[in-house]
Amino acid sequence: MTEPAYVAVDWGTSSFRLWLVDRGGQVLAERRSDEGMMAAAKAGFAGVLHSHLAAVAVPDHLPVLVCGMAGAKTGWVEAGYVDTPAPLAAILKQAARVPGEARDIRILPGIAQRDAKSPDVMRGEETQLLGALGLDAAGEALVCMPGTHSKWVRVQDGTVAHFSTFMTGELFSVVSRETILSLAVAGAADAEDVASFGAAVKAAYEAPAFAANLLFTARSRQLLFGGTPAAARETLSGTLIGAELAAGLSGVVPKDGITLIAAGQLAALYRQAFDALSIAVKPIDADDAVRRGLSMAAAAIWTT
């Protein structure tokens, strides 16, 4: 029977994912919950983690490696940042150990961009980058990482040179629920309108300065010409993503295209957006990327 070697945890703002892993990187057990940083800060980080460790009978001696918001200033233990230009290899050397725990629990640092004109931070995405690109990646990569706060990252020869955060997912949630446009999307449920989404992506990509105007057309078009709630919702989504892509693709695009690190519905949605603009992408599953990144970090921390 395969022996477990360590526990890997991706602890986000609103989600918790845990994997029990052997030395070859094979997942032996998995746990998922909505006990992200926001919930764990109230319930207690140690209690949340130990409940999941107990649920999969993790031996007491096994170490735990965590990435994500558990290492934020408002998280469990502040893990600090590696400053840009940030070699991905540096992430492996700056893991913070959680004090007061019998078990060896470490939290990986994030990456900070201390630029007065474009200050930015990431936590968790650096581990996905590590797993997706590796330590010895040669050349330039432009990486799109969709999410509540999407990241666009330029990596040169294994070093994060620059990145930008876009509040696309959070803006969609607010606009579709808390503004007058909520009336237009009411009842959309899970219905799709690929044509409306693609048209909205193109319109916002070509004229991102009009994004606020294009958002309102979800309502005005419905009032004047009819249309389904699904069409309105896809207009909102496509407009916000199209504006994000306009910014993300404003610089030089590598010959190999865009590296898209995403999972589930977001992966499909962004593939549709890139397809609407006829832009080639190299898709990488986000769950696979973060597990590989944590495996690389675990090997560096506990075998050296």
Protein backbone atom coordinates (compact mmCIF):
# COMPACT_ATOMS: atom_id res chain seq x y z
CA MET A 1 0.00 0.00 0.00
CA THR A 2 1.27 3.50 -0.87
CA GLU A 3 2.57 5.48 2.12
CA PRO A 4 1.38 9.09 2.54
CA ALA A 5 4.22 11.64 2.58
CA TYR A 6 2.60 15.00 3.29
CA VAL A 7 -0.62 16.99 3.21
CA ALA A 8 -1.14 19.79 0.66
CA VAL A 9 -3.67 22.57 1.31
CA ASP A 10 -4.94 25.34 -0.95
CA TRP A 11 -6.62 27.77 1.45
CA GLY A 12 -8.42 30.55 -0.41
CA THR A 13 -10.62 33.42 0.67
CA SER A 14 -13.81 31.38 0.43
CA SER A 15 -12.67 27.80 -0.20
CA PHE A 16 -10.57 25.09 1.44
CA ARG A 17 -9.01 22.16 -0.43
CA LEU A 18 -6.85 19.46 1.12
CA TRP A 19 -5.01 16.53 -0.46
CA LEU A 20 -3.20 13.65 1.22
CA VAL A 21 -0.26 12.91 -1.08
CA ASP A 22 2.37 10.18 -1.42
CA ARG A 23 6.02 10.71 -2.38
CA GLY A 24 5.24 10.29 -6.06
CA GLY A 25 2.65 13.07 -5.99
CA GLN A 26 -0.32 10.70 -6.11
CA VAL A 27 -3.44 11.89 -4.28
CA LEU A 28 -4.56 9.35 -1.69
CA ALA A 29 -7.45 11.33 -0.18
CA GLU A 30 -9.13 14.68 -0.71
CA ARG A 31 -11.27 17.13 1.24
CA ARG A 32 -13.10 20.27 0.03
CA SER A 33 -15.22 22.79 1.89
CA ASP A 34 -16.28 26.43 1.95
CA GLU A 35 -14.17 27.06 5.08
CA GLY A 36 -11.94 29.62 3.42
CA MET A 37 -10.03 32.37 5.19
CA MET A 38 -13.17 34.37 5.95
CA ALA A 39 -14.85 31.44 7.71
CA ALA A 40 -11.68 30.04 9.30
CA ALA A 41 -10.77 33.41 10.80
CA LYS A 42 -13.94 33.13 12.87
CA ALA A 43 -13.90 29.39 13.58
CA GLY A 44 -10.13 29.14 14.10
CA PHE A 45 -7.61 28.01 11.46
CA ALA A 46 -6.13 25.25 13.58
CA GLY A 47 -9.52 23.75 14.36
CA VAL A 48 -10.60 23.76 10.72
CA LEU A 49 -7.39 22.12 9.54
CA HIS A 50 -7.31 19.48 12.27
CA SER A 51 -10.93 18.51 11.62
CA HIS A 52 -10.09 17.76 7.98
CA LEU A 53 -6.87 15.94 8.90
CA ALA A 54 -8.85 13.75 11.27
CA ALA A 55 -11.50 13.06 8.63
CA VAL A 56 -8.91 11.35 6.40
CA ALA A 57 -6.94 9.84 9.31
CA VAL A 58 -3.68 11.68 8.62
CA PRO A 59 -0.85 10.32 10.80
CA ASP A 60 0.38 12.72 13.50
CA HIS A 61 3.93 12.90 12.12
CA LEU A 62 2.96 13.96 8.59
CA PRO A 63 3.84 17.56 7.63
CA VAL A 64 1.37 20.00 6.07
CA LEU A 65 2.13 22.55 3.35
CA VAL A 66 -0.35 25.39 2.77
CA CYS A 67 -0.67 28.02 0.07
CA GLY A 68 -3.15 30.85 -0.29
CA MET A 69 -4.90 33.29 2.02
CA ALA A 70 -4.06 31.43 5.22
CA GLY A 71 -0.72 33.22 4.88
CA ALA A 72 -2.23 36.70 4.57
CA LYS A 73 -1.92 39.38 7.26
CA THR A 74 -5.52 38.59 8.27
CA GLY A 75 -4.96 34.84 7.93
CA TRP A 76 -3.46 32.21 10.23
CA VAL A 77 0.22 33.19 10.11
CA GLU A 78 1.54 35.94 7.85
CA ALA A 79 3.86 34.31 5.32
CA GLY A 80 5.10 37.54 3.74
CA TYR A 81 5.88 38.10 0.08
CA VAL A 82 8.58 37.54 -2.50
CA ASP A 83 9.01 40.84 -4.35
CA THR A 84 8.97 41.16 -8.13
CA PRO A 85 10.96 40.40 -10.13
CA ALA A 86 10.25 37.16 -8.25
CA PRO A 87 11.97 33.90 -9.19
CA LEU A 88 9.48 31.08 -8.66
CA ALA A 89 12.31 29.18 -6.96
CA ALA A 90 12.37 31.82 -4.20
CA ILE A 91 8.88 30.77 -3.11
CA LEU A 92 10.26 27.42 -2.00
CA LYS A 93 12.76 29.05 0.37
CA GLN A 94 10.47 31.40 2.30
CA ALA A 95 7.73 29.18 3.74
CA ALA A 96 6.64 30.33 7.22
CA ARG A 97 6.25 27.72 9.94
CA VAL A 98 3.11 27.87 12.08
CA PRO A 99 4.18 28.26 15.73
CA GLY A 100 2.66 26.32 18.59
CA GLU A 101 1.83 23.25 16.51
CA ALA A 102 3.33 19.81 17.20
CA ARG A 103 2.94 18.97 13.53
CA ASP A 104 5.25 20.69 11.01
CA ILE A 105 2.86 23.09 9.22
CA ARG A 106 4.25 25.61 6.75
CA ILE A 107 2.63 28.33 4.65
CA LEU A 108 4.10 29.49 1.34
CA PRO A 109 4.61 33.21 0.71
CA GLY A 110 2.78 35.27 -1.88
CA ILE A 111 4.26 37.66 -4.44
CA ALA A 112 4.23 41.46 -4.10
CA GLN A 113 4.67 44.08 -6.80
CA ARG A 114 5.98 47.12 -4.92
CA ASP A 115 5.48 49.56 -7.76
CA ALA A 116 3.89 52.88 -6.78
CA LYS A 117 2.12 53.09 -10.16
CA SER A 118 0.84 49.51 -10.19
CA PRO A 119 1.01 47.97 -6.71
CA ASP A 120 -0.31 44.43 -6.59
CA VAL A 121 -0.26 41.20 -4.58
CA MET A 122 -1.07 37.55 -5.11
CA ARG A 123 -1.46 34.58 -2.79
CA GLY A 124 -2.06 31.06 -4.04
CA GLU A 125 -1.61 31.91 -7.71
CA GLU A 126 2.19 31.80 -7.30
CA THR A 127 1.89 28.10 -6.42
CA GLN A 128 -0.24 27.48 -9.53
CA LEU A 129 2.42 29.25 -11.61
CA LEU A 130 5.09 27.06 -10.07
CA GLY A 131 3.14 23.91 -10.89
CA ALA A 132 2.16 25.03 -14.39
CA LEU A 133 5.49 26.42 -15.58
CA GLY A 134 8.08 24.69 -13.41
CA LEU A 135 11.34 26.12 -12.11
CA ASP A 136 13.34 25.91 -15.32
CA ALA A 137 10.88 27.43 -17.79
CA ALA A 138 12.77 29.21 -20.56
CA GLY A 139 11.41 32.18 -22.50
CA GLU A 140 8.40 34.36 -21.84
CA ALA A 141 4.92 33.28 -20.81
CA LEU A 142 1.78 35.41 -20.54
CA VAL A 143 -0.53 33.70 -18.07
CA CYS A 144 -4.24 34.33 -17.53
CA MET A 145 -5.64 33.04 -14.23
CA PRO A 146 -9.41 33.67 -14.04
CA GLY A 147 -11.19 34.00 -10.74
CA THR A 148 -13.00 36.33 -8.41
CA HIS A 149 -9.85 38.43 -8.78
CA SER A 150 -8.29 37.39 -12.10
CA LYS A 151 -4.52 37.59 -12.51
CA TRP A 152 -2.53 38.29 -15.65
CA VAL A 153 1.13 37.43 -15.17
CA ARG A 154 4.24 37.86 -17.30
CA VAL A 155 6.88 35.26 -16.49
CA GLN A 156 10.36 35.48 -18.00
CA ASP A 157 12.71 32.50 -17.64
CA GLY A 158 11.03 31.31 -14.45
CA THR A 159 10.76 34.77 -12.88
CA VAL A 160 7.52 36.69 -12.35
CA ALA A 161 8.32 40.04 -13.97
CA HIS A 162 4.95 41.80 -13.72
CA PHE A 163 1.31 41.03 -12.96
CA SER A 164 -2.08 42.71 -12.79
CA THR A 165 -5.24 41.86 -10.86
CA PHE A 166 -8.72 42.38 -12.31
CA MET A 167 -11.81 42.25 -10.07
CA THR A 168 -13.84 40.69 -12.89
CA GLY A 169 -15.58 37.95 -10.95
CA GLU A 170 -16.43 40.16 -7.99
CA LEU A 171 -17.68 42.95 -10.26
CA PHE A 172 -19.94 40.49 -12.08
CA SER A 173 -21.42 39.36 -8.77
CA VAL A 174 -22.06 42.91 -7.59
CA VAL A 175 -23.38 44.25 -10.90
CA SER A 176 -25.70 41.31 -11.51
CA ARG A 177 -27.11 41.30 -7.97
CA GLU A 178 -26.88 44.82 -6.55
CA THR A 179 -27.65 47.17 -9.46
CA ILE A 180 -30.62 47.87 -11.70
CA LEU A 181 -29.20 45.28 -14.09
CA SER A 182 -30.33 42.60 -11.65
CA LEU A 183 -33.80 43.11 -13.14
CA ALA A 184 -32.53 42.17 -16.59
CA VAL A 185 -30.87 38.93 -15.46
CA ALA A 186 -33.59 37.75 -13.06
CA GLY A 187 -34.60 34.20 -13.92
CA ALA A 188 -31.56 33.45 -16.06
CA ALA A 189 -30.78 30.34 -13.99
CA ASP A 190 -28.24 28.14 -15.81
CA ALA A 191 -29.39 28.93 -19.35
CA GLU A 192 -26.59 29.90 -21.75
CA ASP A 193 -26.45 32.29 -24.68
CA VAL A 194 -23.10 31.76 -26.37
CA ALA A 195 -23.83 34.25 -29.16
CA SER A 196 -24.61 37.08 -26.73
CA PHE A 197 -21.51 36.28 -24.68
CA GLY A 198 -19.22 36.28 -27.72
CA ALA A 199 -20.67 39.53 -29.06
CA ALA A 200 -20.21 41.22 -25.67
CA VAL A 201 -16.61 40.02 -25.40
CA LYS A 202 -15.80 41.46 -28.83
CA ALA A 203 -17.54 44.77 -28.16
CA ALA A 204 -15.74 45.36 -24.85
CA TYR A 205 -12.41 44.16 -26.22
CA GLU A 206 -12.63 46.63 -29.10
CA ALA A 207 -13.87 49.54 -26.95
CA PRO A 208 -12.99 48.90 -23.29
CA ALA A 209 -13.45 52.58 -22.42
CA PHE A 210 -17.18 52.07 -23.11
CA ALA A 211 -17.49 49.12 -20.70
CA ALA A 212 -19.82 50.94 -18.32
CA ASN A 213 -22.04 51.88 -21.27
CA LEU A 214 -21.95 48.38 -22.72
CA LEU A 215 -23.07 46.94 -19.39
CA PHE A 216 -26.22 49.05 -19.45
CA THR A 217 -27.15 47.71 -22.90
CA ALA A 218 -28.04 44.44 -21.15
CA ARG A 219 -31.09 46.29 -19.84
CA SER A 220 -31.81 48.77 -22.65
CA ARG A 221 -31.61 46.09 -25.35
CA GLN A 222 -33.99 43.91 -23.39
CA LEU A 223 -36.48 46.78 -22.90
CA LEU A 224 -36.41 47.97 -26.51
CA PHE A 225 -35.89 44.79 -28.51
CA GLY A 226 -36.73 41.95 -26.16
CA GLY A 227 -34.33 39.23 -25.18
CA THR A 228 -33.93 36.61 -22.51
CA PRO A 229 -32.49 36.98 -19.02
CA ALA A 230 -29.74 34.59 -20.16
CA ALA A 231 -28.78 36.98 -22.98
CA ALA A 232 -28.60 39.85 -20.49
CA ARG A 233 -26.48 37.88 -18.05
CA GLU A 234 -24.09 36.77 -20.81
CA THR A 235 -23.82 40.40 -21.92
CA LEU A 236 -22.71 41.38 -18.43
CA SER A 237 -20.24 38.51 -18.21
CA GLY A 238 -18.88 39.01 -21.72
CA THR A 239 -18.48 42.76 -21.25
CA LEU A 240 -16.47 42.42 -18.05
CA ILE A 241 -14.30 39.62 -19.42
CA GLY A 242 -13.81 41.44 -22.73
CA ALA A 243 -12.59 44.56 -20.90
CA GLU A 244 -10.22 42.39 -18.86
CA LEU A 245 -8.83 40.77 -21.99
CA ALA A 246 -8.32 44.16 -23.62
CA ALA A 247 -6.04 45.14 -20.77
CA GLY A 248 -4.37 41.76 -20.39
CA LEU A 249 -3.55 41.52 -24.09
CA SER A 250 -2.47 45.14 -24.47
CA GLY A 251 1.23 44.28 -24.37
CA VAL A 252 3.29 41.88 -26.45
CA VAL A 253 1.66 38.45 -26.73
CA PRO A 254 4.18 35.57 -26.84
CA LYS A 255 4.28 33.54 -30.06
CA ASP A 256 3.08 30.46 -28.16
CA GLY A 257 -0.12 32.29 -27.16
CA ILE A 258 -1.71 32.60 -23.76
CA THR A 259 -1.30 30.11 -20.92
CA LEU A 260 -4.74 29.73 -19.34
CA ILE A 261 -4.73 28.29 -15.81
CA ALA A 262 -8.33 27.64 -14.85
CA ALA A 263 -10.78 24.94 -13.83
CA GLY A 264 -14.44 24.08 -14.24
CA GLN A 265 -16.91 26.65 -15.51
CA LEU A 266 -14.39 29.48 -15.53
CA ALA A 267 -12.07 27.48 -17.78
CA ALA A 268 -14.88 26.93 -20.29
CA LEU A 269 -15.99 30.57 -20.11
CA TYR A 270 -12.55 32.01 -20.76
CA ARG A 271 -11.91 29.51 -23.55
CA GLN A 272 -15.08 30.84 -25.19
CA ALA A 273 -13.85 34.41 -24.73
CA PHE A 274 -10.47 33.69 -26.30
CA ASP A 275 -12.14 31.75 -29.11
CA ALA A 276 -14.39 34.75 -29.81
CA LEU A 277 -11.24 36.80 -30.38
CA SER A 278 -9.45 34.01 -32.30
CA ILE A 279 -6.61 33.97 -29.75
CA ALA A 280 -4.77 30.70 -29.13
CA VAL A 281 -4.51 29.42 -25.58
CA LYS A 282 -2.68 26.61 -23.80
CA PRO A 283 -5.11 25.37 -21.13
CA ILE A 284 -3.80 24.00 -17.81
CA ASP A 285 -6.13 22.72 -15.11
CA ALA A 286 -5.85 24.94 -12.03
CA ASP A 287 -6.31 22.07 -9.55
CA ASP A 288 -3.54 20.07 -11.22
CA ALA A 289 -1.29 23.14 -11.26
CA VAL A 290 -1.67 23.94 -7.56
CA ARG A 291 -1.12 20.30 -6.56
CA ARG A 292 2.04 20.10 -8.68
CA GLY A 293 3.27 23.39 -7.22
CA LEU A 294 2.68 22.20 -3.67
CA SER A 295 4.42 18.89 -4.48
CA MET A 296 7.48 20.73 -5.81
CA ALA A 297 7.57 22.94 -2.72
CA ALA A 298 7.12 20.00 -0.35
CA ALA A 299 9.99 18.13 -2.00
CA ALA A 300 12.23 21.18 -1.68
CA ILE A 301 11.34 21.82 1.97
CA TRP A 302 11.40 18.30 3.41
CA THR A 303 13.99 16.47 1.31
CA THR A 304 16.75 19.09 1.38
